[in-house]
Amino acid sequence: MNIPDDLKYTKDHEWARVEGNIAVIGVTDHAQQELGDIVFVELPDVDDEVTAEDTIGSVESTKAVSDLYSPISGKVVEVNEALEDNPGLINTSPYTEGWMLKIEISDAAELDDLMDAGAYKDLVESEEN
């Protein structure tokens, strides 16, 4: 299981990479493994305002449909349009090509509520036991 050290994580298996005042968001390697082959992704629109922990879209796989939750509050500034034609990028490259959206951070203090890689690894291991 791949859990990069430079990301922040949610209990719902989303990740955030902070780049200045922008958070790049996606689902974790663990999440994509649990979901199986991803066939469709629904994401918010550019300029939508999102709130931390609120539903911002969904991921549909051959096994199930799962909600996506925003790790941070702010304004959507970009969505990964490549996922429209190739949602499987989330399976093959969840941390790079399979990113989902970029959010302009409105409250950087919310980042303190997210887990580091060690805490996320502990969460995944506790869920598997």
Foldseek 3Di string as FASTA:
>chain_A
DDQDQQWWADLLQKIWHDDPQKTFIFGHLVVCVVQDQWDDWFAADFFDWAAAQDFGTWIHGPVGIGTDGHLATATWHFFLPVCHVPVRCCNVPVPPSNTGTMGRHPDPVSSVVTHGRVVVVVSVVVVVD
